């Protein structure tokens, strides 16, 4: 699915020497992880409980945290599996 209002163009950092011609060529295309693949999400129960407990103990309505995991492509190449197995509450500073 192409969602133009959420698509953000990416760019490379400035450098003194370019290895390619930066002038755009061809039509604009969108790239999204779910465009060609069927995504699956797996989350460890321990990680979910830890994140839930941290959210309940936090006095702010909104807070930042990280959920870390691995991304793997299925053997047939048709699907992807995101396995979240770690919770990091981050730092306030």
N, C-alpha and C. Protein backbone atom coordinates (compact mmCIF):
# COMPACT_ATOMS: atom_id res chain seq x y z
N UNK A 1 0.84 -1.18 0.00
CA UNK A 1 0.00 0.00 0.00
C UNK A 1 0.88 1.24 0.00
N UNK A 2 0.56 2.17 -0.84
CA UNK A 2 1.31 3.41 -0.95
C UNK A 2 0.57 4.50 -0.19
N UNK A 3 1.22 5.09 0.80
CA UNK A 3 0.62 6.14 1.61
C UNK A 3 1.45 7.40 1.43
N UNK A 4 1.11 8.25 0.44
CA UNK A 4 1.96 9.40 0.12
C UNK A 4 2.10 10.43 1.25
N UNK A 5 1.07 10.59 2.10
CA UNK A 5 1.18 11.62 3.14
C UNK A 5 2.15 11.21 4.25
N UNK A 6 2.47 9.92 4.36
CA UNK A 6 3.40 9.46 5.40
C UNK A 6 4.78 9.16 4.84
N UNK A 7 4.93 9.19 3.54
CA UNK A 7 6.21 8.87 2.93
C UNK A 7 7.17 10.05 3.10
N UNK A 8 8.36 9.76 3.55
CA UNK A 8 9.38 10.79 3.76
C UNK A 8 10.57 10.46 2.87
N UNK A 9 11.01 11.40 2.04
CA UNK A 9 12.16 11.10 1.18
C UNK A 9 13.42 10.98 2.03
N UNK A 10 14.30 10.10 1.64
CA UNK A 10 15.56 9.97 2.37
C UNK A 10 16.67 10.57 1.54
N UNK A 11 17.72 10.99 2.20
CA UNK A 11 18.86 11.58 1.51
C UNK A 11 20.14 11.14 2.19
N UNK A 12 21.21 11.22 1.47
CA UNK A 12 22.51 10.85 2.00
C UNK A 12 23.22 12.10 2.52
N UNK A 13 24.12 11.94 3.49
CA UNK A 13 24.84 13.11 4.00
C UNK A 13 25.72 13.74 2.93
N UNK A 14 25.97 15.03 3.09
CA UNK A 14 26.82 15.75 2.15
C UNK A 14 28.24 15.22 2.21
N UNK A 15 28.89 15.17 1.08
CA UNK A 15 30.29 14.75 1.04
C UNK A 15 31.01 15.57 -0.02
N UNK A 16 32.32 15.54 0.04
CA UNK A 16 33.12 16.30 -0.93
C UNK A 16 33.16 15.62 -2.29
N UNK A 17 33.00 14.32 -2.31
CA UNK A 17 33.13 13.57 -3.55
C UNK A 17 31.92 12.65 -3.72
N UNK A 18 31.22 12.77 -4.84
CA UNK A 18 30.04 11.92 -5.10
C UNK A 18 30.44 10.73 -5.97
N UNK A 19 29.92 9.57 -5.63
CA UNK A 19 30.22 8.37 -6.40
C UNK A 19 29.19 8.11 -7.49
N UNK A 20 28.12 8.89 -7.53
CA UNK A 20 27.08 8.72 -8.54
C UNK A 20 26.48 10.07 -8.87
N UNK A 21 25.75 10.12 -9.94
CA UNK A 21 25.07 11.34 -10.37
C UNK A 21 23.80 11.49 -9.54
N UNK A 22 23.66 12.57 -8.73
CA UNK A 22 22.51 12.70 -7.84
C UNK A 22 21.21 13.15 -8.52
N UNK A 23 21.24 13.37 -9.82
CA UNK A 23 20.03 13.82 -10.52
C UNK A 23 19.04 12.66 -10.60
N UNK A 24 17.77 12.87 -10.16
CA UNK A 24 16.78 11.79 -10.21
C UNK A 24 16.52 11.31 -11.64
N UNK A 25 16.32 10.00 -11.79
CA UNK A 25 16.03 9.41 -13.10
C UNK A 25 14.81 8.52 -12.96
N UNK A 26 13.90 8.58 -13.89
CA UNK A 26 12.74 7.70 -13.89
C UNK A 26 11.60 8.20 -13.02
N UNK A 27 10.58 7.33 -12.90
CA UNK A 27 9.40 7.67 -12.13
C UNK A 27 9.65 7.48 -10.64
N UNK A 28 8.89 8.21 -9.82
CA UNK A 28 8.97 8.08 -8.37
C UNK A 28 8.21 6.83 -7.96
N UNK A 29 8.80 6.04 -7.08
CA UNK A 29 8.13 4.84 -6.58
C UNK A 29 8.14 4.87 -5.06
N UNK A 30 7.18 4.21 -4.45
CA UNK A 30 7.13 4.10 -3.00
C UNK A 30 7.67 2.74 -2.56
N UNK A 31 8.33 2.73 -1.43
CA UNK A 31 8.87 1.49 -0.90
C UNK A 31 8.36 1.31 0.52
N UNK A 32 7.68 0.21 0.77
CA UNK A 32 7.15 -0.05 2.10
C UNK A 32 7.34 -1.52 2.42
N UNK A 33 7.61 -1.82 3.66
CA UNK A 33 7.93 -3.19 4.07
C UNK A 33 6.78 -4.16 3.83
N UNK A 34 5.54 -3.69 3.87
CA UNK A 34 4.39 -4.59 3.69
C UNK A 34 3.87 -4.60 2.25
N UNK A 35 4.53 -3.93 1.34
CA UNK A 35 4.03 -3.86 -0.03
C UNK A 35 4.07 -5.22 -0.72
N UNK A 36 5.17 -5.95 -0.56
CA UNK A 36 5.32 -7.24 -1.21
C UNK A 36 5.30 -8.42 -0.25
N UNK A 37 5.36 -8.17 1.04
CA UNK A 37 5.50 -9.26 2.01
C UNK A 37 4.36 -9.26 3.02
N UNK A 38 4.12 -10.42 3.62
CA UNK A 38 3.12 -10.57 4.67
C UNK A 38 3.82 -10.48 6.02
N UNK A 39 3.62 -9.40 6.79
CA UNK A 39 4.33 -9.27 8.06
C UNK A 39 3.68 -10.07 9.19
N UNK A 40 4.51 -10.59 10.09
CA UNK A 40 4.05 -11.28 11.30
C UNK A 40 4.81 -10.68 12.46
N UNK A 41 4.14 -10.54 13.58
CA UNK A 41 4.76 -9.98 14.78
C UNK A 41 4.69 -10.99 15.90
N UNK A 42 5.83 -11.22 16.54
CA UNK A 42 5.91 -12.12 17.67
C UNK A 42 6.57 -11.36 18.81
N UNK A 43 5.98 -11.44 20.02
CA UNK A 43 6.53 -10.71 21.15
C UNK A 43 6.58 -11.62 22.36
N UNK A 44 7.71 -11.60 23.05
CA UNK A 44 7.88 -12.41 24.25
C UNK A 44 6.95 -11.87 25.34
N UNK A 45 6.29 -12.77 26.07
CA UNK A 45 5.36 -12.36 27.12
C UNK A 45 6.08 -11.56 28.21
N UNK A 46 7.28 -11.97 28.56
CA UNK A 46 8.06 -11.27 29.58
C UNK A 46 8.31 -9.81 29.18
N UNK A 47 8.62 -9.59 27.91
CA UNK A 47 8.87 -8.23 27.41
C UNK A 47 7.61 -7.39 27.47
N UNK A 48 6.48 -7.97 27.08
CA UNK A 48 5.21 -7.26 27.12
C UNK A 48 4.82 -6.89 28.55
N UNK A 49 4.98 -7.82 29.48
CA UNK A 49 4.65 -7.55 30.88
C UNK A 49 5.55 -6.45 31.47
N UNK A 50 6.84 -6.47 31.13
CA UNK A 50 7.77 -5.46 31.61
C UNK A 50 7.39 -4.07 31.07
N UNK A 51 7.05 -3.98 29.79
CA UNK A 51 6.64 -2.71 29.19
C UNK A 51 5.34 -2.20 29.82
N UNK A 52 4.39 -3.11 30.05
CA UNK A 52 3.12 -2.75 30.67
C UNK A 52 3.32 -2.22 32.09
N UNK A 53 4.15 -2.92 32.86
CA UNK A 53 4.42 -2.49 34.24
C UNK A 53 5.11 -1.12 34.27
N UNK A 54 6.04 -0.92 33.34
CA UNK A 54 6.73 0.38 33.27
C UNK A 54 5.75 1.50 32.91
N UNK A 55 4.83 1.23 31.99
CA UNK A 55 3.84 2.24 31.59
C UNK A 55 2.90 2.57 32.75
N UNK A 56 2.50 1.56 33.52
CA UNK A 56 1.60 1.81 34.65
C UNK A 56 2.29 2.59 35.77
N UNK A 57 3.60 2.36 35.97
CA UNK A 57 4.33 3.05 37.02
C UNK A 57 4.75 4.45 36.63
N UNK A 58 4.77 4.74 35.35
CA UNK A 58 5.20 6.05 34.87
C UNK A 58 4.11 7.08 35.17
N UNK A 59 4.50 8.22 35.71
CA UNK A 59 3.54 9.25 36.08
C UNK A 59 3.10 10.10 34.89
N UNK A 60 3.90 10.15 33.85
CA UNK A 60 3.54 10.94 32.67
C UNK A 60 2.54 10.17 31.81
N UNK A 61 1.75 10.92 31.04
CA UNK A 61 0.84 10.28 30.10
C UNK A 61 1.61 9.67 28.93
N UNK A 62 2.59 10.43 28.42
CA UNK A 62 3.41 9.97 27.31
C UNK A 62 4.84 9.77 27.78
N UNK A 63 5.45 8.70 27.36
CA UNK A 63 6.86 8.46 27.68
C UNK A 63 7.50 7.72 26.52
N UNK A 64 8.82 7.78 26.46
CA UNK A 64 9.56 7.12 25.39
C UNK A 64 10.17 5.83 25.88
N UNK A 65 10.24 4.86 25.01
CA UNK A 65 10.89 3.58 25.33
C UNK A 65 11.29 2.93 24.02
N UNK A 66 12.01 1.82 24.12
CA UNK A 66 12.45 1.07 22.95
C UNK A 66 12.02 -0.38 23.08
N UNK A 67 11.52 -0.94 22.00
CA UNK A 67 11.28 -2.37 21.91
C UNK A 67 12.26 -2.90 20.88
N UNK A 68 13.11 -3.83 21.29
CA UNK A 68 14.18 -4.32 20.42
C UNK A 68 13.91 -5.75 20.00
N UNK A 69 14.32 -6.08 18.81
CA UNK A 69 14.09 -7.44 18.34
C UNK A 69 14.84 -7.72 17.06
N UNK A 70 14.40 -8.77 16.37
CA UNK A 70 15.05 -9.18 15.12
C UNK A 70 14.01 -9.25 14.00
N UNK A 71 14.48 -9.01 12.80
CA UNK A 71 13.64 -9.07 11.61
C UNK A 71 14.19 -10.16 10.71
N UNK A 72 13.35 -11.10 10.31
CA UNK A 72 13.79 -12.21 9.46
C UNK A 72 12.81 -12.42 8.32
N UNK A 73 13.34 -12.80 7.16
CA UNK A 73 12.52 -13.11 5.99
C UNK A 73 12.28 -14.61 5.97
N UNK A 74 11.04 -15.03 5.67
CA UNK A 74 10.71 -16.45 5.58
C UNK A 74 11.53 -17.14 4.49
N UNK A 75 11.64 -18.45 4.59
CA UNK A 75 12.42 -19.22 3.61
C UNK A 75 11.87 -19.07 2.20
N UNK A 76 10.55 -18.98 2.07
CA UNK A 76 9.96 -18.84 0.74
C UNK A 76 10.02 -17.41 0.22
N UNK A 77 10.46 -16.47 1.04
CA UNK A 77 10.60 -15.08 0.62
C UNK A 77 9.30 -14.31 0.58
N UNK A 78 8.21 -14.91 1.01
CA UNK A 78 6.90 -14.27 0.93
C UNK A 78 6.53 -13.48 2.18
N UNK A 79 7.11 -13.80 3.30
CA UNK A 79 6.73 -13.13 4.54
C UNK A 79 7.93 -12.70 5.35
N UNK A 80 7.66 -11.82 6.31
CA UNK A 80 8.70 -11.38 7.23
C UNK A 80 8.19 -11.57 8.65
N UNK A 81 9.10 -11.87 9.56
CA UNK A 81 8.75 -12.08 10.96
C UNK A 81 9.55 -11.10 11.81
N UNK A 82 8.85 -10.29 12.57
CA UNK A 82 9.47 -9.37 13.52
C UNK A 82 9.29 -9.97 14.91
N UNK A 83 10.38 -10.33 15.57
CA UNK A 83 10.34 -10.92 16.89
C UNK A 83 10.88 -9.92 17.89
N UNK A 84 10.02 -9.43 18.77
CA UNK A 84 10.42 -8.45 19.79
C UNK A 84 10.70 -9.22 21.07
N UNK A 85 11.94 -9.08 21.56
CA UNK A 85 12.32 -9.87 22.73
C UNK A 85 12.99 -9.06 23.83
N UNK A 86 13.02 -7.74 23.69
CA UNK A 86 13.67 -6.93 24.72
C UNK A 86 12.99 -5.57 24.86
N UNK A 87 12.89 -5.09 26.08
CA UNK A 87 12.30 -3.79 26.39
C UNK A 87 13.38 -2.91 27.04
N UNK A 88 13.51 -1.69 26.55
CA UNK A 88 14.47 -0.74 27.10
C UNK A 88 13.70 0.55 27.39
N UNK A 89 13.58 0.94 28.69
CA UNK A 89 12.82 2.14 29.01
C UNK A 89 13.48 3.43 28.57
N UNK A 90 14.74 3.39 28.17
CA UNK A 90 15.43 4.59 27.73
C UNK A 90 15.86 5.46 28.90
N UNK A 91 16.29 6.65 28.59
CA UNK A 91 16.75 7.59 29.60
C UNK A 91 16.04 8.92 29.45
N UNK A 92 15.85 9.60 30.54
CA UNK A 92 15.18 10.91 30.52
C UNK A 92 16.12 12.01 30.01
N UNK A 93 17.41 11.83 30.19
CA UNK A 93 18.39 12.86 29.82
C UNK A 93 18.76 12.70 28.37
